[in-house]
């Protein structure tokens, strides 16, 4: 027989949204259980940029996982013009989602939340008294559930919220940086337009690598081909691929 867990609030999804909700609830004295389908830490396809405004909203200090401070940006169009500008203070910070999510996961535990990784929710049901979540190896009974499992997550679908009408899909590469540095301040991020209809690309600096990717709102776009256009545009066709993110 599978194990049963009881809680006041179950939070499904161990990304920044889920861990932050679990953290704040636990700090308020709520009996909260955080569920993540993958093992933590885990890789997540992400551009890896956090704006200064978003960083201020986080309930914990993330200085330990920040890799680069960005205070310059270039907006370019493939084969066309570009415009660049900068400010005195950094407006964005780059980091690894793997390290960010792990730090927020640990902070939620420190706040008093219980957490289970490698626990995938396969069914959710309102039983009239609360919510029953069925996982592959356990069952969770909660008074309420928070769906932080993404746009295509099971919570929204099974609780009657339906699927989003428009979903953006991203693909990215982590490429070896030509000029690795231990202290990245005054860095430049680049946004690339005009690669494909309904899409934009990015080139974000990390300490030893570059995050290069594209996000598409048009399902007919050949994302792999569009990504290679950005790589060529940045002069990185010969750069070593560290990781592919799909």
C-alpha atoms as a PDB file:
ATOM      1  CA  UNK A   1       0.000   0.000   0.000  1.00  0.00           C
ATOM      2  CA  UNK A   2       1.305   3.464  -0.890  1.00  0.00           C
ATOM      3  CA  UNK A   3       2.073   5.993   1.809  1.00  0.00           C
ATOM      4  CA  UNK A   4      -0.441   8.718   2.658  1.00  0.00           C
ATOM      5  CA  UNK A   5       0.497  12.297   3.566  1.00  0.00           C
ATOM      6  CA  UNK A   6      -1.768  14.855   5.218  1.00  0.00           C
ATOM      7  CA  UNK A   7      -1.310  18.622   4.922  1.00  0.00           C
ATOM      8  CA  UNK A   8      -3.240  21.857   4.789  1.00  0.00           C
ATOM      9  CA  UNK A   9      -1.838  22.974   1.428  1.00  0.00           C
ATOM     10  CA  UNK A  10      -0.116  20.884  -1.225  1.00  0.00           C
ATOM     11  CA  UNK A  11       2.073  22.805  -3.665  1.00  0.00           C
ATOM     12  CA  UNK A  12       2.762  20.981  -6.928  1.00  0.00           C
ATOM     13  CA  UNK A  13       5.888  22.116  -8.763  1.00  0.00           C
ATOM     14  CA  UNK A  14       9.333  22.810  -7.341  1.00  0.00           C
ATOM     15  CA  UNK A  15      10.316  25.766  -9.504  1.00  0.00           C
ATOM     16  CA  UNK A  16      10.653  29.355  -8.242  1.00  0.00           C
ATOM     17  CA  UNK A  17       6.878  29.866  -8.020  1.00  0.00           C
ATOM     18  CA  UNK A  18       6.176  26.666  -6.103  1.00  0.00           C
ATOM     19  CA  UNK A  19       9.087  26.943  -3.698  1.00  0.00           C
ATOM     20  CA  UNK A  20       8.321  30.606  -2.970  1.00  0.00           C
ATOM     21  CA  UNK A  21       4.660  29.843  -2.225  1.00  0.00           C
ATOM     22  CA  UNK A  22       5.650  26.918   0.003  1.00  0.00           C
ATOM     23  CA  UNK A  23       8.207  29.080   1.796  1.00  0.00           C
ATOM     24  CA  UNK A  24       5.768  31.908   2.511  1.00  0.00           C
ATOM     25  CA  UNK A  25       3.014  29.541   3.653  1.00  0.00           C
ATOM     26  CA  UNK A  26       5.394  27.699   5.967  1.00  0.00           C
ATOM     27  CA  UNK A  27       6.610  30.982   7.438  1.00  0.00           C
ATOM     28  CA  UNK A  28       2.976  31.801   8.179  1.00  0.00           C
ATOM     29  CA  UNK A  29       2.509  28.577  10.103  1.00  0.00           C
ATOM     30  CA  UNK A  30       0.677  26.610   7.407  1.00  0.00           C
ATOM     31  CA  UNK A  31       1.278  22.862   7.176  1.00  0.00           C
ATOM     32  CA  UNK A  32       2.501  22.723   3.576  1.00  0.00           C
ATOM     33  CA  UNK A  33       3.821  19.883   1.437  1.00  0.00           C
ATOM     34  CA  UNK A  34       5.836  20.660  -1.711  1.00  0.00           C
ATOM     35  CA  UNK A  35       5.835  18.081  -4.520  1.00  0.00           C
ATOM     36  CA  UNK A  36       8.244  17.972  -7.464  1.00  0.00           C
ATOM     37  CA  UNK A  37       8.172  15.294 -10.158  1.00  0.00           C
ATOM     38  CA  UNK A  38      11.949  15.366 -10.816  1.00  0.00           C
ATOM     39  CA  UNK A  39      14.874  14.825  -8.512  1.00  0.00           C
ATOM     40  CA  UNK A  40      16.224  18.059  -7.007  1.00  0.00           C
ATOM     41  CA  UNK A  41      18.541  19.565  -8.126  1.00  0.00           C
ATOM     42  CA  UNK A  42      17.566  19.110 -11.761  1.00  0.00           C
ATOM     43  CA  UNK A  43      18.308  20.838 -15.031  1.00  0.00           C
ATOM     44  CA  UNK A  44      15.636  23.093 -16.475  1.00  0.00           C
ATOM     45  CA  UNK A  45      15.569  24.708 -19.896  1.00  0.00           C
ATOM     46  CA  UNK A  46      15.724  28.420 -19.110  1.00  0.00           C
ATOM     47  CA  UNK A  47      17.413  31.537 -20.456  1.00  0.00           C
ATOM     48  CA  UNK A  48      18.830  32.114 -16.988  1.00  0.00           C
ATOM     49  CA  UNK A  49      18.063  35.798 -16.479  1.00  0.00           C
ATOM     50  CA  UNK A  50      16.446  37.367 -13.400  1.00  0.00           C
ATOM     51  CA  UNK A  51      15.608  41.068 -13.524  1.00  0.00           C
ATOM     52  CA  UNK A  52      16.549  43.323 -10.642  1.00  0.00           C
ATOM     53  CA  UNK A  53      12.845  43.884  -9.935  1.00  0.00           C
ATOM     54  CA  UNK A  54      12.162  40.138  -9.788  1.00  0.00           C
ATOM     55  CA  UNK A  55      15.173  39.604  -7.545  1.00  0.00           C
ATOM     56  CA  UNK A  56      13.776  42.139  -5.084  1.00  0.00           C
ATOM     57  CA  UNK A  57      10.541  40.144  -4.896  1.00  0.00           C
ATOM     58  CA  UNK A  58      12.266  36.901  -3.927  1.00  0.00           C
ATOM     59  CA  UNK A  59      11.978  36.171  -0.196  1.00  0.00           C
ATOM     60  CA  UNK A  60      15.608  35.013   0.051  1.00  0.00           C
ATOM     61  CA  UNK A  61      19.010  36.353  -0.962  1.00  0.00           C
ATOM     62  CA  UNK A  62      20.247  34.656  -4.153  1.00  0.00           C
ATOM     63  CA  UNK A  63      23.680  36.303  -4.273  1.00  0.00           C
ATOM     64  CA  UNK A  64      25.387  32.921  -3.898  1.00  0.00           C
ATOM     65  CA  UNK A  65      23.978  31.652  -7.213  1.00  0.00           C
ATOM     66  CA  UNK A  66      24.309  34.818  -9.330  1.00  0.00           C
ATOM     67  CA  UNK A  67      26.928  34.446 -12.062  1.00  0.00           C
ATOM     68  CA  UNK A  68      26.893  37.742 -13.969  1.00  0.00           C
ATOM     69  CA  UNK A  69      25.571  41.257 -13.452  1.00  0.00           C
ATOM     70  CA  UNK A  70      24.146  42.787 -16.618  1.00  0.00           C
ATOM     71  CA  UNK A  71      23.908  46.542 -17.076  1.00  0.00           C
ATOM     72  CA  UNK A  72      24.113  46.726 -20.882  1.00  0.00           C
ATOM     73  CA  UNK A  73      21.744  45.372 -23.517  1.00  0.00           C
ATOM     74  CA  UNK A  74      21.806  45.111 -27.282  1.00  0.00           C
ATOM     75  CA  UNK A  75      18.698  44.564 -29.376  1.00  0.00           C
ATOM     76  CA  UNK A  76      19.561  43.289 -32.830  1.00  0.00           C
ATOM     77  CA  UNK A  77      17.950  41.898 -35.943  1.00  0.00           C
ATOM     78  CA  UNK A  78      19.606  39.110 -37.890  1.00  0.00           C
ATOM     79  CA  UNK A  79      21.430  40.625 -40.847  1.00  0.00           C
ATOM     80  CA  UNK A  80      20.281  44.132 -39.996  1.00  0.00           C
ATOM     81  CA  UNK A  81      20.802  46.938 -37.507  1.00  0.00           C
ATOM     82  CA  UNK A  82      21.247  46.871 -33.763  1.00  0.00           C
ATOM     83  CA  UNK A  83      20.906  49.331 -30.915  1.00  0.00           C
ATOM     84  CA  UNK A  84      22.764  49.194 -27.600  1.00  0.00           C
ATOM     85  CA  UNK A  85      22.509  51.068 -24.355  1.00  0.00           C
ATOM     86  CA  UNK A  86      23.635  50.758 -20.766  1.00  0.00           C
ATOM     87  CA  UNK A  87      22.931  52.003 -17.258  1.00  0.00           C
ATOM     88  CA  UNK A  88      25.045  52.400 -14.142  1.00  0.00           C
ATOM     89  CA  UNK A  89      23.377  49.719 -12.018  1.00  0.00           C
ATOM     90  CA  UNK A  90      22.710  46.113 -13.101  1.00  0.00           C
ATOM     91  CA  UNK A  91      19.137  45.540 -14.263  1.00  0.00           C
ATOM     92  CA  UNK A  92      19.482  41.779 -14.722  1.00  0.00           C
ATOM     93  CA  UNK A  93      21.406  38.926 -13.153  1.00  0.00           C
ATOM     94  CA  UNK A  94      22.233  35.638 -14.864  1.00  0.00           C
ATOM     95  CA  UNK A  95      22.325  32.296 -13.135  1.00  0.00           C
ATOM     96  CA  UNK A  96      21.773  28.578 -13.497  1.00  0.00           C
ATOM     97  CA  UNK A  97      18.172  27.486 -12.941  1.00  0.00           C
ATOM     98  CA  UNK A  98      19.516  24.281 -11.464  1.00  0.00           C
ATOM     99  CA  UNK A  99      21.313  26.201  -8.716  1.00  0.00           C
ATOM    100  CA  UNK A 100      18.516  28.755  -8.226  1.00  0.00           C
ATOM    101  CA  UNK A 101      15.825  26.111  -7.856  1.00  0.00           C
ATOM    102  CA  UNK A 102      17.980  24.092  -5.452  1.00  0.00           C
ATOM    103  CA  UNK A 103      18.602  27.193  -3.318  1.00  0.00           C
ATOM    104  CA  UNK A 104      14.891  28.034  -3.159  1.00  0.00           C
ATOM    105  CA  UNK A 105      14.044  24.392  -2.417  1.00  0.00           C
ATOM    106  CA  UNK A 106      16.443  24.438   0.545  1.00  0.00           C
ATOM    107  CA  UNK A 107      15.020  27.768   1.725  1.00  0.00           C
ATOM    108  CA  UNK A 108      11.496  26.316   1.692  1.00  0.00           C
ATOM    109  CA  UNK A 109      12.681  23.420   3.850  1.00  0.00           C
ATOM    110  CA  UNK A 110      14.426  25.832   6.219  1.00  0.00           C
ATOM    111  CA  UNK A 111      11.150  27.747   6.538  1.00  0.00           C
ATOM    112  CA  UNK A 112       9.392  24.596   7.733  1.00  0.00           C
ATOM    113  CA  UNK A 113       7.844  23.190   4.569  1.00  0.00           C
ATOM    114  CA  UNK A 114       7.936  19.476   3.913  1.00  0.00           C
ATOM    115  CA  UNK A 115       9.080  18.538   0.430  1.00  0.00           C
ATOM    116  CA  UNK A 116       9.135  15.434  -1.734  1.00  0.00           C
ATOM    117  CA  UNK A 117      11.106  15.307  -4.961  1.00  0.00           C
ATOM    118  CA  UNK A 118      10.817  12.493  -7.527  1.00  0.00           C
ATOM    119  CA  UNK A 119       7.064  12.500  -6.813  1.00  0.00           C
ATOM    120  CA  UNK A 120       4.946  12.925  -9.932  1.00  0.00           C
ATOM    121  CA  UNK A 121       1.265  13.741  -9.492  1.00  0.00           C
ATOM    122  CA  UNK A 122      -0.828  11.609 -11.848  1.00  0.00           C
ATOM    123  CA  UNK A 123      -4.342  12.486 -10.668  1.00  0.00           C
ATOM    124  CA  UNK A 124      -6.048  15.188  -8.630  1.00  0.00           C
ATOM    125  CA  UNK A 125      -9.601  15.086  -7.316  1.00  0.00           C
ATOM    126  CA  UNK A 126     -11.846  17.322  -5.232  1.00  0.00           C
ATOM    127  CA  UNK A 127     -13.482  14.930  -2.766  1.00  0.00           C
ATOM    128  CA  UNK A 128     -15.798  17.515  -1.213  1.00  0.00           C
ATOM    129  CA  UNK A 129     -13.661  17.925   1.892  1.00  0.00           C
ATOM    130  CA  UNK A 130     -10.458  18.976   0.210  1.00  0.00           C
ATOM    131  CA  UNK A 131      -8.162  17.704  -2.501  1.00  0.00           C
ATOM    132  CA  UNK A 132      -6.715  14.234  -3.028  1.00  0.00           C
ATOM    133  CA  UNK A 133      -3.515  14.014  -5.039  1.00  0.00           C
ATOM    134  CA  UNK A 134      -2.466  10.641  -6.338  1.00  0.00           C
ATOM    135  CA  UNK A 135       1.246  10.237  -7.004  1.00  0.00           C
ATOM    136  CA  UNK A 136       2.997   7.217  -8.451  1.00  0.00           C
ATOM    137  CA  UNK A 137       4.166   6.131  -4.987  1.00  0.00           C
ATOM    138  CA  UNK A 138       1.918   7.944  -2.502  1.00  0.00           C
ATOM    139  CA  UNK A 139      -1.338   9.772  -1.891  1.00  0.00           C
ATOM    140  CA  UNK A 140      -1.665  13.293  -0.517  1.00  0.00           C
ATOM    141  CA  UNK A 141      -4.740  14.681   1.258  1.00  0.00           C
ATOM    142  CA  UNK A 142      -4.876  18.484   1.467  1.00  0.00           C
ATOM    143  CA  UNK A 143      -7.413  21.205   2.156  1.00  0.00           C
ATOM    144  CA  UNK A 144      -6.160  23.125  -0.878  1.00  0.00           C
ATOM    145  CA  UNK A 145      -3.735  22.704  -3.751  1.00  0.00           C
ATOM    146  CA  UNK A 146      -1.498  25.220  -5.520  1.00  0.00           C
ATOM    147  CA  UNK A 147      -0.689  24.349  -9.113  1.00  0.00           C
ATOM    148  CA  UNK A 148       2.833  25.620  -9.821  1.00  0.00           C
ATOM    149  CA  UNK A 149       3.598  22.862 -12.313  1.00  0.00           C
ATOM    150  CA  UNK A 150       3.722  24.986 -15.440  1.00  0.00           C
ATOM    151  CA  UNK A 151       1.432  25.915 -18.309  1.00  0.00           C
ATOM    152  CA  UNK A 152       0.941  22.279 -19.306  1.00  0.00           C
ATOM    153  CA  UNK A 153       0.741  21.005 -15.726  1.00  0.00           C
ATOM    154  CA  UNK A 154      -1.725  18.404 -14.534  1.00  0.00           C
ATOM    155  CA  UNK A 155      -3.296  20.552 -11.802  1.00  0.00           C
ATOM    156  CA  UNK A 156      -4.821  23.113 -14.143  1.00  0.00           C
ATOM    157  CA  UNK A 157      -6.074  20.448 -16.543  1.00  0.00           C
ATOM    158  CA  UNK A 158      -7.702  18.211 -13.966  1.00  0.00           C
ATOM    159  CA  UNK A 159      -9.180  21.033 -11.884  1.00  0.00           C
ATOM    160  CA  UNK A 160     -11.092  22.323 -14.902  1.00  0.00           C
ATOM    161  CA  UNK A 161      -8.926  25.277 -15.886  1.00  0.00           C
ATOM    162  CA  UNK A 162      -8.214  23.813 -19.320  1.00  0.00           C
ATOM    163  CA  UNK A 163      -5.119  24.318 -21.399  1.00  0.00           C
ATOM    164  CA  UNK A 164      -3.676  27.748 -22.244  1.00  0.00           C
ATOM    165  CA  UNK A 165      -4.657  28.943 -25.719  1.00  0.00           C
ATOM    166  CA  UNK A 166      -1.164  30.136 -26.534  1.00  0.00           C
ATOM    167  CA  UNK A 167       2.014  28.435 -25.361  1.00  0.00           C
ATOM    168  CA  UNK A 168       5.544  29.559 -26.135  1.00  0.00           C
ATOM    169  CA  UNK A 169       8.141  26.831 -26.607  1.00  0.00           C
ATOM    170  CA  UNK A 170      11.823  27.485 -26.090  1.00  0.00           C
ATOM    171  CA  UNK A 171      14.999  25.691 -27.119  1.00  0.00           C
ATOM    172  CA  UNK A 172      18.494  26.705 -26.102  1.00  0.00           C
ATOM    173  CA  UNK A 173      22.162  25.846 -26.066  1.00  0.00           C
ATOM    174  CA  UNK A 174      24.810  26.429 -23.467  1.00  0.00           C
ATOM    175  CA  UNK A 175      27.962  27.267 -25.413  1.00  0.00           C
ATOM    176  CA  UNK A 176      31.501  27.566 -24.139  1.00  0.00           C
ATOM    177  CA  UNK A 177      32.303  31.214 -23.612  1.00  0.00           C
ATOM    178  CA  UNK A 178      35.269  32.541 -25.616  1.00  0.00           C
ATOM    179  CA  UNK A 179      36.291  34.828 -22.734  1.00  0.00           C
ATOM    180  CA  UNK A 180      35.501  33.011 -19.450  1.00  0.00           C
ATOM    181  CA  UNK A 181      35.792  35.161 -16.358  1.00  0.00           C
ATOM    182  CA  UNK A 182      35.492  34.627 -12.624  1.00  0.00           C
ATOM    183  CA  UNK A 183      33.815  37.964 -11.959  1.00  0.00           C
ATOM    184  CA  UNK A 184      31.177  39.091 -14.449  1.00  0.00           C
ATOM    185  CA  UNK A 185      30.134  42.683 -13.852  1.00  0.00           C
ATOM    186  CA  UNK A 186      29.160  45.251 -16.459  1.00  0.00           C
ATOM    187  CA  UNK A 187      28.089  42.480 -18.820  1.00  0.00           C
ATOM    188  CA  UNK A 188      25.936  42.766 -21.944  1.00  0.00           C
ATOM    189  CA  UNK A 189      22.843  40.718 -22.776  1.00  0.00           C
ATOM    190  CA  UNK A 190      21.481  40.557 -26.306  1.00  0.00           C
ATOM    191  CA  UNK A 191      17.953  40.110 -27.621  1.00  0.00           C
ATOM    192  CA  UNK A 192      17.675  38.983 -31.245  1.00  0.00           C
ATOM    193  CA  UNK A 193      14.576  39.790 -33.287  1.00  0.00           C
ATOM    194  CA  UNK A 194      13.478  38.824 -36.772  1.00  0.00           C
ATOM    195  CA  UNK A 195      14.767  35.252 -36.617  1.00  0.00           C
ATOM    196  CA  UNK A 196      11.361  33.678 -37.252  1.00  0.00           C
ATOM    197  CA  UNK A 197       7.706  34.778 -37.060  1.00  0.00           C
ATOM    198  CA  UNK A 198       6.390  35.036 -33.514  1.00  0.00           C
ATOM    199  CA  UNK A 199       9.752  34.493 -31.858  1.00  0.00           C
ATOM    200  CA  UNK A 200      12.692  36.188 -30.195  1.00  0.00           C
ATOM    201  CA  UNK A 201      16.165  35.015 -29.319  1.00  0.00           C
ATOM    202  CA  UNK A 202      18.597  35.733 -26.511  1.00  0.00           C
ATOM    203  CA  UNK A 203      22.307  35.603 -25.778  1.00  0.00           C
ATOM    204  CA  UNK A 204      22.977  35.816 -22.039  1.00  0.00           C
ATOM    205  CA  UNK A 205      26.427  35.747 -20.417  1.00  0.00           C
ATOM    206  CA  UNK A 206      27.419  33.322 -17.652  1.00  0.00           C
ATOM    207  CA  UNK A 207      30.859  32.962 -16.057  1.00  0.00           C
ATOM    208  CA  UNK A 208      32.177  30.216 -18.352  1.00  0.00           C
ATOM    209  CA  UNK A 209      29.434  29.843 -20.948  1.00  0.00           C
ATOM    210  CA  UNK A 210      26.739  31.633 -22.929  1.00  0.00           C
ATOM    211  CA  UNK A 211      23.034  30.861 -22.847  1.00  0.00           C
ATOM    212  CA  UNK A 212      21.789  31.106 -26.443  1.00  0.00           C
ATOM    213  CA  UNK A 213      18.175  30.329 -27.205  1.00  0.00           C
ATOM    214  CA  UNK A 214      14.906  31.136 -28.897  1.00  0.00           C
ATOM    215  CA  UNK A 215      11.308  31.244 -27.718  1.00  0.00           C
ATOM    216  CA  UNK A 216       8.584  30.681 -30.296  1.00  0.00           C
ATOM    217  CA  UNK A 217       4.868  31.410 -30.187  1.00  0.00           C
ATOM    218  CA  UNK A 218       4.419  29.924 -33.663  1.00  0.00           C
ATOM    219  CA  UNK A 219       4.240  26.116 -33.696  1.00  0.00           C
ATOM    220  CA  UNK A 220       5.184  25.987 -37.390  1.00  0.00           C
ATOM    221  CA  UNK A 221       8.638  27.479 -36.827  1.00  0.00           C
ATOM    222  CA  UNK A 222      11.619  25.153 -37.224  1.00  0.00           C
ATOM    223  CA  UNK A 223      13.097  25.993 -33.826  1.00  0.00           C
ATOM    224  CA  UNK A 224      16.354  24.110 -34.376  1.00  0.00           C
ATOM    225  CA  UNK A 225      17.056  25.988 -37.612  1.00  0.00           C
ATOM    226  CA  UNK A 226      16.099  29.315 -36.039  1.00  0.00           C
ATOM    227  CA  UNK A 227      18.424  28.639 -33.111  1.00  0.00           C
ATOM    228  CA  UNK A 228      21.322  27.990 -35.466  1.00  0.00           C
ATOM    229  CA  UNK A 229      20.648  31.356 -37.125  1.00  0.00           C
ATOM    230  CA  UNK A 230      21.149  33.040 -33.755  1.00  0.00           C
ATOM    231  CA  UNK A 231      24.325  31.059 -33.100  1.00  0.00           C
ATOM    232  CA  UNK A 232      25.719  32.129 -36.485  1.00  0.00           C
ATOM    233  CA  UNK A 233      24.557  35.713 -35.926  1.00  0.00           C
ATOM    234  CA  UNK A 234      26.579  35.785 -32.693  1.00  0.00           C
ATOM    235  CA  UNK A 235      29.676  34.333 -34.383  1.00  0.00           C
ATOM    236  CA  UNK A 236      29.512  31.222 -32.210  1.00  0.00           C
ATOM    237  CA  UNK A 237      29.188  28.489 -34.842  1.00  0.00           C
ATOM    238  CA  UNK A 238      32.515  26.952 -33.771  1.00  0.00           C
ATOM    239  CA  UNK A 239      31.868  27.209 -30.024  1.00  0.00           C
ATOM    240  CA  UNK A 240      31.757  23.957 -28.066  1.00  0.00           C
ATOM    241  CA  UNK A 241      28.267  22.894 -27.002  1.00  0.00           C
ATOM    242  CA  UNK A 242      28.164  22.271 -23.260  1.00  0.00           C
ATOM    243  CA  UNK A 243      24.484  21.399 -23.028  1.00  0.00           C
ATOM    244  CA  UNK A 244      21.402  21.276 -25.229  1.00  0.00           C
ATOM    245  CA  UNK A 245      18.165  22.440 -23.631  1.00  0.00           C
ATOM    246  CA  UNK A 246      14.879  21.350 -25.166  1.00  0.00           C
END
